[in-house]
Amino acid sequence: MKQENRLVELTLSGSHRKRTTNYNNDEASTDDTIGSITACWFEEVDTVLWDHELVLLRLGEVAKKKKNALAMAQQIAQHLNAHVAQVVGHTALLYRPGAPPILDLEKMIAN
């Protein structure tokens, strides 16, 4: 976890994925899905979202193609009741308002 200027960065790496055996050696069993991500990683992202409302996810190690990064980010966001604010390459920015909200989006837009 990297934190600078309140934007927290988390990297999803192979160590955050559940170990599975691919007996058929086919692509369908090795695709990028959130079902293979460990609960501990989701808890870490959830905590960051509660504390900061924004989190930058680096998905390069697990999303084999850039187009898979968007699909994976959308699945992660749905699992955490968050929104995908932006995806650039293998990096996704998630947003979930806190209770009470930390970021005043209307004020940020006005500036």
PDB file of N, CA and C in Angstrom:
ATOM      1  N   MET A   1       0.853  -1.174   0.000  1.00  0.00           N
ATOM      2  CA  MET A   1       0.000   0.000   0.000  1.00  0.00           C
ATOM      3  C   MET A   1       0.897   1.235   0.000  1.00  0.00           C
ATOM      4  N   LYS A   2       0.574   2.170  -0.873  1.00  0.00           N
ATOM      5  CA  LYS A   2       1.321   3.414  -0.995  1.00  0.00           C
ATOM      6  C   LYS A   2       0.358   4.557  -0.752  1.00  0.00           C
ATOM      7  N   GLN A   3       0.775   5.532   0.064  1.00  0.00           N
ATOM      8  CA  GLN A   3      -0.101   6.654   0.365  1.00  0.00           C
ATOM      9  C   GLN A   3       0.673   7.951   0.239  1.00  0.00           C
ATOM     10  N   GLU A   4       0.225   8.806  -0.660  1.00  0.00           N
ATOM     11  CA  GLU A   4       0.805  10.133  -0.838  1.00  0.00           C
ATOM     12  C   GLU A   4      -0.334  11.095  -1.108  1.00  0.00           C
ATOM     13  N   ASN A   5      -0.362  12.206  -0.395  1.00  0.00           N
ATOM     14  CA  ASN A   5      -1.384  13.232  -0.604  1.00  0.00           C
ATOM     15  C   ASN A   5      -2.798  12.675  -0.565  1.00  0.00           C
ATOM     16  N   ARG A   6      -3.055  11.776   0.340  1.00  0.00           N
ATOM     17  CA  ARG A   6      -4.370  11.212   0.620  1.00  0.00           C
ATOM     18  C   ARG A   6      -4.891  10.223  -0.420  1.00  0.00           C
ATOM     19  N   LEU A   7      -4.262  10.077  -1.585  1.00  0.00           N
ATOM     20  CA  LEU A   7      -4.703   9.083  -2.555  1.00  0.00           C
ATOM     21  C   LEU A   7      -3.918   7.800  -2.299  1.00  0.00           C
ATOM     22  N   VAL A   8      -4.624   6.751  -1.935  1.00  0.00           N
ATOM     23  CA  VAL A   8      -3.988   5.490  -1.577  1.00  0.00           C
ATOM     24  C   VAL A   8      -3.939   4.597  -2.803  1.00  0.00           C
ATOM     25  N   GLU A   9      -2.764   3.993  -3.039  1.00  0.00           N
ATOM     26  CA  GLU A   9      -2.583   3.078  -4.153  1.00  0.00           C
ATOM     27  C   GLU A   9      -2.440   1.660  -3.616  1.00  0.00           C
ATOM     28  N   LEU A  10      -3.163   0.722  -4.225  1.00  0.00           N
ATOM     29  CA  LEU A  10      -3.047  -0.692  -3.891  1.00  0.00           C
ATOM     30  C   LEU A  10      -2.759  -1.464  -5.167  1.00  0.00           C
ATOM     31  N   THR A  11      -1.895  -2.443  -5.071  1.00  0.00           N
ATOM     32  CA  THR A  11      -1.565  -3.276  -6.216  1.00  0.00           C
ATOM     33  C   THR A  11      -2.147  -4.659  -6.005  1.00  0.00           C
ATOM     34  N   LEU A  12      -2.883  -5.127  -6.996  1.00  0.00           N
ATOM     35  CA  LEU A  12      -3.405  -6.490  -6.957  1.00  0.00           C
ATOM     36  C   LEU A  12      -2.390  -7.369  -7.646  1.00  0.00           C
ATOM     37  N   SER A  13      -1.734  -8.218  -6.863  1.00  0.00           N
ATOM     38  CA  SER A  13      -0.694  -9.075  -7.429  1.00  0.00           C
ATOM     39  C   SER A  13      -1.122 -10.530  -7.339  1.00  0.00           C
ATOM     40  N   GLY A  14      -0.303 -11.394  -7.867  1.00  0.00           N
ATOM     41  CA  GLY A  14      -0.594 -12.821  -7.841  1.00  0.00           C
ATOM     42  C   GLY A  14      -0.734 -13.371  -6.434  1.00  0.00           C
ATOM     43  N   SER A  15      -0.086 -12.759  -5.462  1.00  0.00           N
ATOM     44  CA  SER A  15      -0.175 -13.249  -4.080  1.00  0.00           C
ATOM     45  C   SER A  15      -1.539 -12.977  -3.457  1.00  0.00           C
ATOM     46  N   HIS A  16      -2.339 -12.102  -4.066  1.00  0.00           N
ATOM     47  CA  HIS A  16      -3.671 -11.794  -3.564  1.00  0.00           C
ATOM     48  C   HIS A  16      -4.737 -12.686  -4.192  1.00  0.00           C
ATOM     49  N   ARG A  17      -4.311 -13.632  -4.989  1.00  0.00           N
ATOM     50  CA  ARG A  17      -5.259 -14.510  -5.668  1.00  0.00           C
ATOM     51  C   ARG A  17      -5.249 -15.876  -5.015  1.00  0.00           C
ATOM     52  N   LYS A  18      -6.405 -16.497  -4.992  1.00  0.00           N
ATOM     53  CA  LYS A  18      -6.522 -17.845  -4.446  1.00  0.00           C
ATOM     54  C   LYS A  18      -5.814 -18.815  -5.373  1.00  0.00           C
ATOM     55  N   ARG A  19      -5.201 -19.816  -4.781  1.00  0.00           N
ATOM     56  CA  ARG A  19      -4.513 -20.841  -5.573  1.00  0.00           C
ATOM     57  C   ARG A  19      -5.528 -21.822  -6.128  1.00  0.00           C
ATOM     58  N   THR A  20      -5.516 -22.013  -7.433  1.00  0.00           N
ATOM     59  CA  THR A  20      -6.398 -22.989  -8.070  1.00  0.00           C
ATOM     60  C   THR A  20      -5.581 -23.844  -9.019  1.00  0.00           C
ATOM     61  N   THR A  21      -6.033 -25.040  -9.218  1.00  0.00           N
ATOM     62  CA  THR A  21      -5.357 -25.950 -10.138  1.00  0.00           C
ATOM     63  C   THR A  21      -6.135 -25.994 -11.433  1.00  0.00           C
ATOM     64  N   ASN A  22      -5.444 -25.818 -12.523  1.00  0.00           N
ATOM     65  CA  ASN A  22      -6.059 -25.830 -13.839  1.00  0.00           C
ATOM     66  C   ASN A  22      -5.774 -27.189 -14.477  1.00  0.00           C
ATOM     67  N   TYR A  23      -6.678 -28.139 -14.283  1.00  0.00           N
ATOM     68  CA  TYR A  23      -6.478 -29.486 -14.802  1.00  0.00           C
ATOM     69  C   TYR A  23      -6.679 -29.561 -16.312  1.00  0.00           C
ATOM     70  N   ASN A  24      -7.527 -28.704 -16.861  1.00  0.00           N
ATOM     71  CA  ASN A  24      -7.841 -28.762 -18.289  1.00  0.00           C
ATOM     72  C   ASN A  24      -6.903 -27.920 -19.135  1.00  0.00           C
ATOM     73  N   ASN A  25      -6.104 -27.076 -18.497  1.00  0.00           N
ATOM     74  CA  ASN A  25      -5.179 -26.199 -19.217  1.00  0.00           C
ATOM     75  C   ASN A  25      -5.884 -25.325 -20.247  1.00  0.00           C
ATOM     76  N   ASP A  26      -7.075 -24.845 -19.919  1.00  0.00           N
ATOM     77  CA  ASP A  26      -7.813 -24.013 -20.861  1.00  0.00           C
ATOM     78  C   ASP A  26      -7.903 -22.580 -20.360  1.00  0.00           C
ATOM     79  N   GLU A  27      -8.180 -21.659 -21.272  1.00  0.00           N
ATOM     80  CA  GLU A  27      -8.246 -20.240 -20.937  1.00  0.00           C
ATOM     81  C   GLU A  27      -9.409 -19.911 -20.016  1.00  0.00           C
ATOM     82  N   ALA A  28     -10.522 -20.618 -20.118  1.00  0.00           N
ATOM     83  CA  ALA A  28     -11.715 -20.298 -19.335  1.00  0.00           C
ATOM     84  C   ALA A  28     -11.451 -20.394 -17.836  1.00  0.00           C
ATOM     85  N   SER A  29     -10.584 -21.292 -17.432  1.00  0.00           N
ATOM     86  CA  SER A  29     -10.341 -21.448 -16.004  1.00  0.00           C
ATOM     87  C   SER A  29      -9.251 -20.520 -15.497  1.00  0.00           C
ATOM     88  N   THR A  30      -8.615 -19.776 -16.380  1.00  0.00           N
ATOM     89  CA  THR A  30      -7.563 -18.856 -15.942  1.00  0.00           C
ATOM     90  C   THR A  30      -7.917 -17.402 -16.231  1.00  0.00           C
ATOM     91  N   ASP A  31      -9.197 -17.126 -16.536  1.00  0.00           N
ATOM     92  CA  ASP A  31      -9.568 -15.749 -16.866  1.00  0.00           C
ATOM     93  C   ASP A  31      -9.536 -14.862 -15.626  1.00  0.00           C
ATOM     94  N   ASP A  32      -9.597 -13.547 -15.862  1.00  0.00           N
ATOM     95  CA  ASP A  32      -9.522 -12.569 -14.783  1.00  0.00           C
ATOM     96  C   ASP A  32     -10.905 -12.392 -14.161  1.00  0.00           C
ATOM     97  N   THR A  33     -11.127 -12.982 -13.000  1.00  0.00           N
ATOM     98  CA  THR A  33     -12.394 -12.833 -12.306  1.00  0.00           C
ATOM     99  C   THR A  33     -12.134 -12.475 -10.860  1.00  0.00           C
ATOM    100  N   ILE A  34     -13.113 -11.822 -10.255  1.00  0.00           N
ATOM    101  CA  ILE A  34     -12.933 -11.438  -8.862  1.00  0.00           C
ATOM    102  C   ILE A  34     -13.089 -12.629  -7.930  1.00  0.00           C
ATOM    103  N   GLY A  35     -13.644 -13.739  -8.417  1.00  0.00           N
ATOM    104  CA  GLY A  35     -13.791 -14.925  -7.581  1.00  0.00           C
ATOM    105  C   GLY A  35     -12.465 -15.509  -7.147  1.00  0.00           C
ATOM    106  N   SER A  36     -11.402 -15.156  -7.862  1.00  0.00           N
ATOM    107  CA  SER A  36     -10.089 -15.693  -7.518  1.00  0.00           C
ATOM    108  C   SER A  36      -9.305 -14.775  -6.573  1.00  0.00           C
ATOM    109  N   ILE A  37      -9.876 -13.634  -6.206  1.00  0.00           N
ATOM    110  CA  ILE A  37      -9.191 -12.679  -5.327  1.00  0.00           C
ATOM    111  C   ILE A  37      -9.516 -13.009  -3.873  1.00  0.00           C
ATOM    112  N   THR A  38      -8.513 -12.926  -3.006  1.00  0.00           N
ATOM    113  CA  THR A  38      -8.699 -13.282  -1.601  1.00  0.00           C
ATOM    114  C   THR A  38      -9.544 -12.244  -0.863  1.00  0.00           C
ATOM    115  N   ALA A  39     -10.214 -12.706   0.174  1.00  0.00           N
ATOM    116  CA  ALA A  39     -11.061 -11.839   1.001  1.00  0.00           C
ATOM    117  C   ALA A  39     -10.230 -10.772   1.712  1.00  0.00           C
ATOM    118  N   CYS A  40      -9.007 -11.092   2.077  1.00  0.00           N
ATOM    119  CA  CYS A  40      -8.143 -10.124   2.770  1.00  0.00           C
ATOM    120  C   CYS A  40      -7.894  -8.888   1.908  1.00  0.00           C
ATOM    121  N   TRP A  41      -7.698  -9.093   0.609  1.00  0.00           N
ATOM    122  CA  TRP A  41      -7.461  -7.956  -0.281  1.00  0.00           C
ATOM    123  C   TRP A  41      -8.709  -7.094  -0.379  1.00  0.00           C
ATOM    124  N   PHE A  42      -9.886  -7.723  -0.492  1.00  0.00           N
ATOM    125  CA  PHE A  42     -11.136  -6.961  -0.535  1.00  0.00           C
ATOM    126  C   PHE A  42     -11.327  -6.169   0.750  1.00  0.00           C
ATOM    127  N   GLU A  43     -10.988  -6.750   1.893  1.00  0.00           N
ATOM    128  CA  GLU A  43     -11.105  -6.045   3.171  1.00  0.00           C
ATOM    129  C   GLU A  43     -10.187  -4.832   3.205  1.00  0.00           C
ATOM    130  N   GLU A  44      -8.997  -4.980   2.655  1.00  0.00           N
ATOM    131  CA  GLU A  44      -8.046  -3.864   2.624  1.00  0.00           C
ATOM    132  C   GLU A  44      -8.581  -2.720   1.755  1.00  0.00           C
ATOM    133  N   VAL A  45      -9.117  -3.051   0.586  1.00  0.00           N
ATOM    134  CA  VAL A  45      -9.681  -2.025  -0.303  1.00  0.00           C
ATOM    135  C   VAL A  45     -10.901  -1.382   0.354  1.00  0.00           C
ATOM    136  N   ASP A  46     -11.735  -2.194   0.990  1.00  0.00           N
ATOM    137  CA  ASP A  46     -12.927  -1.682   1.676  1.00  0.00           C
ATOM    138  C   ASP A  46     -12.543  -0.696   2.770  1.00  0.00           C
ATOM    139  N   THR A  47     -11.524  -1.008   3.546  1.00  0.00           N
ATOM    140  CA  THR A  47     -11.059  -0.123   4.617  1.00  0.00           C
ATOM    141  C   THR A  47     -10.557   1.200   4.044  1.00  0.00           C
ATOM    142  N   VAL A  48      -9.798   1.127   2.960  1.00  0.00           N
ATOM    143  CA  VAL A  48      -9.290   2.349   2.334  1.00  0.00           C
ATOM    144  C   VAL A  48     -10.450   3.208   1.824  1.00  0.00           C
ATOM    145  N   LEU A  49     -11.443   2.569   1.216  1.00  0.00           N
ATOM    146  CA  LEU A  49     -12.596   3.336   0.722  1.00  0.00           C
ATOM    147  C   LEU A  49     -13.345   4.009   1.865  1.00  0.00           C
ATOM    148  N   TRP A  50     -13.499   3.329   2.999  1.00  0.00           N
ATOM    149  CA  TRP A  50     -14.164   3.954   4.147  1.00  0.00           C
ATOM    150  C   TRP A  50     -13.356   5.126   4.682  1.00  0.00           C
ATOM    151  N   ASP A  51     -12.030   4.990   4.680  1.00  0.00           N
ATOM    152  CA  ASP A  51     -11.172   6.027   5.253  1.00  0.00           C
ATOM    153  C   ASP A  51     -10.930   7.210   4.312  1.00  0.00           C
ATOM    154  N   HIS A  52     -10.868   6.950   2.997  1.00  0.00           N
ATOM    155  CA  HIS A  52     -10.449   7.990   2.056  1.00  0.00           C
ATOM    156  C   HIS A  52     -11.426   8.251   0.911  1.00  0.00           C
ATOM    157  N   GLU A  53     -12.373   7.366   0.692  1.00  0.00           N
ATOM    158  CA  GLU A  53     -13.362   7.444  -0.388  1.00  0.00           C
ATOM    159  C   GLU A  53     -12.803   7.168  -1.776  1.00  0.00           C
ATOM    160  N   LEU A  54     -11.518   7.328  -1.982  1.00  0.00           N
ATOM    161  CA  LEU A  54     -10.869   7.066  -3.263  1.00  0.00           C
ATOM    162  C   LEU A  54      -9.739   6.063  -3.083  1.00  0.00           C
ATOM    163  N   VAL A  55      -9.582   5.183  -4.059  1.00  0.00           N
ATOM    164  CA  VAL A  55      -8.442   4.268  -4.041  1.00  0.00           C
ATOM    165  C   VAL A  55      -8.015   4.011  -5.479  1.00  0.00           C
ATOM    166  N   LEU A  56      -6.712   4.002  -5.681  1.00  0.00           N
ATOM    167  CA  LEU A  56      -6.127   3.731  -6.982  1.00  0.00           C
ATOM    168  C   LEU A  56      -5.666   2.282  -6.987  1.00  0.00           C
ATOM    169  N   LEU A  57      -6.229   1.480  -7.891  1.00  0.00           N
ATOM    170  CA  LEU A  57      -5.899   0.056  -7.957  1.00  0.00           C
ATOM    171  C   LEU A  57      -5.003  -0.211  -9.159  1.00  0.00           C
ATOM    172  N   ARG A  58      -3.883  -0.828  -8.918  1.00  0.00           N
ATOM    173  CA  ARG A  58      -2.978  -1.229  -9.992  1.00  0.00           C
ATOM    174  C   ARG A  58      -3.241  -2.711 -10.281  1.00  0.00           C
ATOM    175  N   LEU A  59      -3.778  -2.997 -11.457  1.00  0.00           N
ATOM    176  CA  LEU A  59      -4.215  -4.348 -11.806  1.00  0.00           C
ATOM    177  C   LEU A  59      -3.305  -5.007 -12.832  1.00  0.00           C
ATOM    178  N   GLY A  60      -2.178  -4.425 -13.120  1.00  0.00           N
ATOM    179  CA  GLY A  60      -1.309  -4.890 -14.194  1.00  0.00           C
ATOM    180  C   GLY A  60      -0.824  -6.315 -14.070  1.00  0.00           C
ATOM    181  N   GLU A  61      -0.600  -6.781 -12.858  1.00  0.00           N
ATOM    182  CA  GLU A  61      -0.072  -8.129 -12.690  1.00  0.00           C
ATOM    183  C   GLU A  61      -1.120  -9.210 -12.911  1.00  0.00           C
ATOM    184  N   VAL A  62      -2.401  -8.878 -12.763  1.00  0.00           N
ATOM    185  CA  VAL A  62      -3.441  -9.906 -12.879  1.00  0.00           C
ATOM    186  C   VAL A  62      -4.358  -9.720 -14.082  1.00  0.00           C
ATOM    187  N   ALA A  63      -4.528  -8.505 -14.551  1.00  0.00           N
ATOM    188  CA  ALA A  63      -5.329  -8.274 -15.757  1.00  0.00           C
ATOM    189  C   ALA A  63      -4.385  -8.421 -16.942  1.00  0.00           C
ATOM    190  N   LYS A  64      -4.512  -9.526 -17.635  1.00  0.00           N
ATOM    191  CA  LYS A  64      -3.553  -9.834 -18.689  1.00  0.00           C
ATOM    192  C   LYS A  64      -3.593  -8.834 -19.842  1.00  0.00           C
ATOM    193  N   LYS A  65      -4.764  -8.294 -20.130  1.00  0.00           N
ATOM    194  CA  LYS A  65      -4.916  -7.309 -21.199  1.00  0.00           C
ATOM    195  C   LYS A  65      -5.555  -6.053 -20.613  1.00  0.00           C
ATOM    196  N   LYS A  66      -5.283  -4.917 -21.219  1.00  0.00           N
ATOM    197  CA  LYS A  66      -5.823  -3.652 -20.723  1.00  0.00           C
ATOM    198  C   LYS A  66      -7.346  -3.648 -20.718  1.00  0.00           C
ATOM    199  N   LYS A  67      -7.966  -4.264 -21.736  1.00  0.00           N
ATOM    200  CA  LYS A  67      -9.428  -4.292 -21.773  1.00  0.00           C
ATOM    201  C   LYS A  67     -10.000  -5.122 -20.631  1.00  0.00           C
ATOM    202  N   ASN A  68      -9.225  -6.084 -20.118  1.00  0.00           N
ATOM    203  CA  ASN A  68      -9.672  -6.872 -18.970  1.00  0.00           C
ATOM    204  C   ASN A  68      -9.637  -6.059 -17.681  1.00  0.00           C
ATOM    205  N   ALA A  69      -8.789  -5.033 -17.627  1.00  0.00           N
ATOM    206  CA  ALA A  69      -8.687  -4.197 -16.437  1.00  0.00           C
ATOM    207  C   ALA A  69     -10.003  -3.474 -16.164  1.00  0.00           C
ATOM    208  N   LEU A  70     -10.668  -2.989 -17.196  1.00  0.00           N
ATOM    209  CA  LEU A  70     -11.953  -2.311 -17.014  1.00  0.00           C
ATOM    210  C   LEU A  70     -13.001  -3.279 -16.476  1.00  0.00           C
ATOM    211  N   ALA A  71     -13.090  -4.457 -17.062  1.00  0.00           N
ATOM    212  CA  ALA A  71     -14.066  -5.447 -16.608  1.00  0.00           C
ATOM    213  C   ALA A  71     -13.790  -5.864 -15.170  1.00  0.00           C
ATOM    214  N   MET A  72     -12.516  -6.054 -14.841  1.00  0.00           N
ATOM    215  CA  MET A  72     -12.157  -6.448 -13.486  1.00  0.00           C
ATOM    216  C   MET A  72     -12.466  -5.318 -12.502  1.00  0.00           C
ATOM    217  N   ALA A  73     -12.161  -4.080 -12.876  1.00  0.00           N
ATOM    218  CA  ALA A  73     -12.449  -2.930 -12.016  1.00  0.00           C
ATOM    219  C   ALA A  73     -13.946  -2.809 -11.755  1.00  0.00           C
ATOM    220  N   GLN A  74     -14.758  -3.042 -12.788  1.00  0.00           N
ATOM    221  CA  GLN A  74     -16.212  -2.971 -12.622  1.00  0.00           C
ATOM    222  C   GLN A  74     -16.708  -4.063 -11.682  1.00  0.00           C
ATOM    223  N   GLN A  75     -16.138  -5.256 -11.782  1.00  0.00           N
ATOM    224  CA  GLN A  75     -16.534  -6.344 -10.888  1.00  0.00           C
ATOM    225  C   GLN A  75     -16.133  -6.041  -9.440  1.00  0.00           C
ATOM    226  N   ILE A  76     -14.921  -5.529  -9.260  1.00  0.00           N
ATOM    227  CA  ILE A  76     -14.449  -5.171  -7.914  1.00  0.00           C
ATOM    228  C   ILE A  76     -15.335  -4.070  -7.328  1.00  0.00           C
ATOM    229  N   ALA A  77     -15.631  -3.049  -8.129  1.00  0.00           N
ATOM    230  CA  ALA A  77     -16.473  -1.941  -7.666  1.00  0.00           C
ATOM    231  C   ALA A  77     -17.856  -2.441  -7.275  1.00  0.00           C
ATOM    232  N   GLN A  78     -18.429  -3.312  -8.075  1.00  0.00           N
ATOM    233  CA  GLN A  78     -19.753  -3.856  -7.765  1.00  0.00           C
ATOM    234  C   GLN A  78     -19.707  -4.651  -6.456  1.00  0.00           C
ATOM    235  N   HIS A  79     -18.663  -5.421  -6.259  1.00  0.00           N
ATOM    236  CA  HIS A  79     -18.510  -6.218  -5.039  1.00  0.00           C
ATOM    237  C   HIS A  79     -18.410  -5.327  -3.796  1.00  0.00           C
ATOM    238  N   LEU A  80     -17.815  -4.138  -3.954  1.00  0.00           N
ATOM    239  CA  LEU A  80     -17.589  -3.233  -2.825  1.00  0.00           C
ATOM    240  C   LEU A  80     -18.588  -2.077  -2.778  1.00  0.00           C
ATOM    241  N   ASN A  81     -19.621  -2.111  -3.629  1.00  0.00           N
ATOM    242  CA  ASN A  81     -20.606  -1.022  -3.703  1.00  0.00           C
ATOM    243  C   ASN A  81     -19.928   0.323  -3.948  1.00  0.00           C
ATOM    244  N   ALA A  82     -19.000   0.325  -4.880  1.00  0.00           N
ATOM    245  CA  ALA A  82     -18.260   1.530  -5.236  1.00  0.00           C
ATOM    246  C   ALA A  82     -18.528   1.853  -6.701  1.00  0.00           C
ATOM    247  N   HIS A  83     -17.900   2.914  -7.178  1.00  0.00           N
ATOM    248  CA  HIS A  83     -18.034   3.341  -8.563  1.00  0.00           C
ATOM    249  C   HIS A  83     -16.653   3.375  -9.206  1.00  0.00           C
ATOM    250  N   VAL A  84     -16.579   2.986 -10.456  1.00  0.00           N
ATOM    251  CA  VAL A  84     -15.339   3.128 -11.214  1.00  0.00           C
ATOM    252  C   VAL A  84     -15.310   4.554 -11.745  1.00  0.00           C
ATOM    253  N   ALA A  85     -14.401   5.349 -11.217  1.00  0.00           N
ATOM    254  CA  ALA A  85     -14.296   6.738 -11.647  1.00  0.00           C
ATOM    255  C   ALA A  85     -13.502   6.851 -12.938  1.00  0.00           C
ATOM    256  N   GLN A  86     -12.465   5.997 -13.083  1.00  0.00           N
ATOM    257  CA  GLN A  86     -11.610   6.084 -14.262  1.00  0.00           C
ATOM    258  C   GLN A  86     -10.776   4.816 -14.376  1.00  0.00           C
ATOM    259  N   VAL A  87     -10.507   4.408 -15.593  1.00  0.00           N
ATOM    260  CA  VAL A  87      -9.562   3.325 -15.865  1.00  0.00           C
ATOM    261  C   VAL A  87      -8.629   3.800 -16.959  1.00  0.00           C
ATOM    262  N   VAL A  88      -7.330   3.750 -16.680  1.00  0.00           N
ATOM    263  CA  VAL A  88      -6.310   4.100 -17.656  1.00  0.00           C
ATOM    264  C   VAL A  88      -5.313   2.946 -17.674  1.00  0.00           C
ATOM    265  N   GLY A  89      -5.248   2.264 -18.803  1.00  0.00           N
ATOM    266  CA  GLY A  89      -4.358   1.113 -18.904  1.00  0.00           C
ATOM    267  C   GLY A  89      -4.766   0.031 -17.921  1.00  0.00           C
ATOM    268  N   HIS A  90      -3.843  -0.350 -17.054  1.00  0.00           N
ATOM    269  CA  HIS A  90      -4.095  -1.373 -16.042  1.00  0.00           C
ATOM    270  C   HIS A  90      -4.388  -0.765 -14.666  1.00  0.00           C
ATOM    271  N   THR A  91      -4.700   0.530 -14.618  1.00  0.00           N
ATOM    272  CA  THR A  91      -4.930   1.226 -13.360  1.00  0.00           C
ATOM    273  C   THR A  91      -6.363   1.728 -13.295  1.00  0.00           C
ATOM    274  N   ALA A  92      -7.026   1.465 -12.152  1.00  0.00           N
ATOM    275  CA  ALA A  92      -8.422   1.883 -11.966  1.00  0.00           C
ATOM    276  C   ALA A  92      -8.538   2.763 -10.728  1.00  0.00           C
ATOM    277  N   LEU A  93      -9.387   3.772 -10.819  1.00  0.00           N
ATOM    278  CA  LEU A  93      -9.689   4.639  -9.693  1.00  0.00           C
ATOM    279  C   LEU A  93     -11.112   4.347  -9.246  1.00  0.00           C
ATOM    280  N   LEU A  94     -11.272   3.913  -7.985  1.00  0.00           N
ATOM    281  CA  LEU A  94     -12.591   3.624  -7.433  1.00  0.00           C
ATOM    282  C   LEU A  94     -12.993   4.706  -6.455  1.00  0.00           C
ATOM    283  N   TYR A  95     -14.287   4.993  -6.412  1.00  0.00           N
ATOM    284  CA  TYR A  95     -14.844   5.991  -5.502  1.00  0.00           C
ATOM    285  C   TYR A  95     -16.064   5.399  -4.815  1.00  0.00           C
ATOM    286  N   ARG A  96     -16.142   5.617  -3.512  1.00  0.00           N
ATOM    287  CA  ARG A  96     -17.338   5.271  -2.742  1.00  0.00           C
ATOM    288  C   ARG A  96     -17.496   6.323  -1.656  1.00  0.00           C
ATOM    289  N   PRO A  97     -18.624   7.053  -1.647  1.00  0.00           N
ATOM    290  CA  PRO A  97     -18.798   8.090  -0.631  1.00  0.00           C
ATOM    291  C   PRO A  97     -18.850   7.499   0.762  1.00  0.00           C
ATOM    292  N   GLY A  98     -18.223   8.195   1.694  1.00  0.00           N
ATOM    293  CA  GLY A  98     -18.242   7.758   3.088  1.00  0.00           C
ATOM    294  C   GLY A  98     -19.498   8.248   3.780  1.00  0.00           C
ATOM    295  N   ALA A  99     -19.619   7.860   5.027  1.00  0.00           N
ATOM    296  CA  ALA A  99     -20.764   8.303   5.832  1.00  0.00           C
ATOM    297  C   ALA A  99     -20.212   8.923   7.109  1.00  0.00           C
ATOM    298  N   PRO A 100     -20.144  10.212   7.240  1.00  0.00           N
ATOM    299  CA  PRO A 100     -20.493  11.277   6.293  1.00  0.00           C
ATOM    300  C   PRO A 100     -19.426  11.398   5.209  1.00  0.00           C
ATOM    301  N   PRO A 101     -19.789  11.991   4.072  1.00  0.00           N
ATOM    302  CA  PRO A 101     -18.831  12.140   2.974  1.00  0.00           C
ATOM    303  C   PRO A 101     -17.605  12.949   3.387  1.00  0.00           C
ATOM    304  N   ILE A 102     -16.451  12.504   2.924  1.00  0.00           N
ATOM    305  CA  ILE A 102     -15.194  13.198   3.206  1.00  0.00           C
ATOM    306  C   ILE A 102     -14.918  14.227   2.112  1.00  0.00           C
ATOM    307  N   LEU A 103     -15.103  13.806   0.868  1.00  0.00           N
ATOM    308  CA  LEU A 103     -14.858  14.693  -0.270  1.00  0.00           C
ATOM    309  C   LEU A 103     -16.124  15.457  -0.623  1.00  0.00           C
ATOM    310  N   ASP A 104     -15.994  16.762  -0.785  1.00  0.00           N
ATOM    311  CA  ASP A 104     -17.106  17.585  -1.210  1.00  0.00           C
ATOM    312  C   ASP A 104     -16.994  17.771  -2.722  1.00  0.00           C
ATOM    313  N   LEU A 105     -17.656  16.895  -3.469  1.00  0.00           N
ATOM    314  CA  LEU A 105     -17.519  16.906  -4.926  1.00  0.00           C
ATOM    315  C   LEU A 105     -18.028  18.195  -5.546  1.00  0.00           C
ATOM    316  N   GLU A 106     -19.095  18.761  -5.010  1.00  0.00           N
ATOM    317  CA  GLU A 106     -19.633  20.014  -5.554  1.00  0.00           C
ATOM    318  C   GLU A 106     -18.625  21.141  -5.412  1.00  0.00           C
ATOM    319  N   LYS A 107     -17.935  21.180  -4.276  1.00  0.00           N
ATOM    320  CA  LYS A 107     -16.912  22.207  -4.054  1.00  0.00           C
ATOM    321  C   LYS A 107     -15.727  21.977  -4.998  1.00  0.00           C
ATOM    322  N   MET A 108     -15.366  20.719  -5.216  1.00  0.00           N
ATOM    323  CA  MET A 108     -14.239  20.405  -6.093  1.00  0.00           C
ATOM    324  C   MET A 108     -14.556  20.798  -7.535  1.00  0.00           C
ATOM    325  N   ILE A 109     -15.811  20.599  -7.962  1.00  0.00           N
ATOM    326  CA  ILE A 109     -16.207  20.957  -9.318  1.00  0.00           C
ATOM    327  C   ILE A 109     -16.210  22.471  -9.489  1.00  0.00           C
ATOM    328  N   ALA A 110     -16.624  23.203  -8.463  1.00  0.00           N
ATOM    329  CA  ALA A 110     -16.690  24.660  -8.518  1.00  0.00           C
ATOM    330  C   ALA A 110     -15.311  25.293  -8.660  1.00  0.00           C
ATOM    331  N   ASN A 111     -14.298  24.639  -8.100  1.00  0.00           N
ATOM    332  CA  ASN A 111     -12.937  25.183  -8.184  1.00  0.00           C
ATOM    333  C   ASN A 111     -12.397  24.865  -9.499  1.00  0.00           C
TER     334      ASN A 111
END
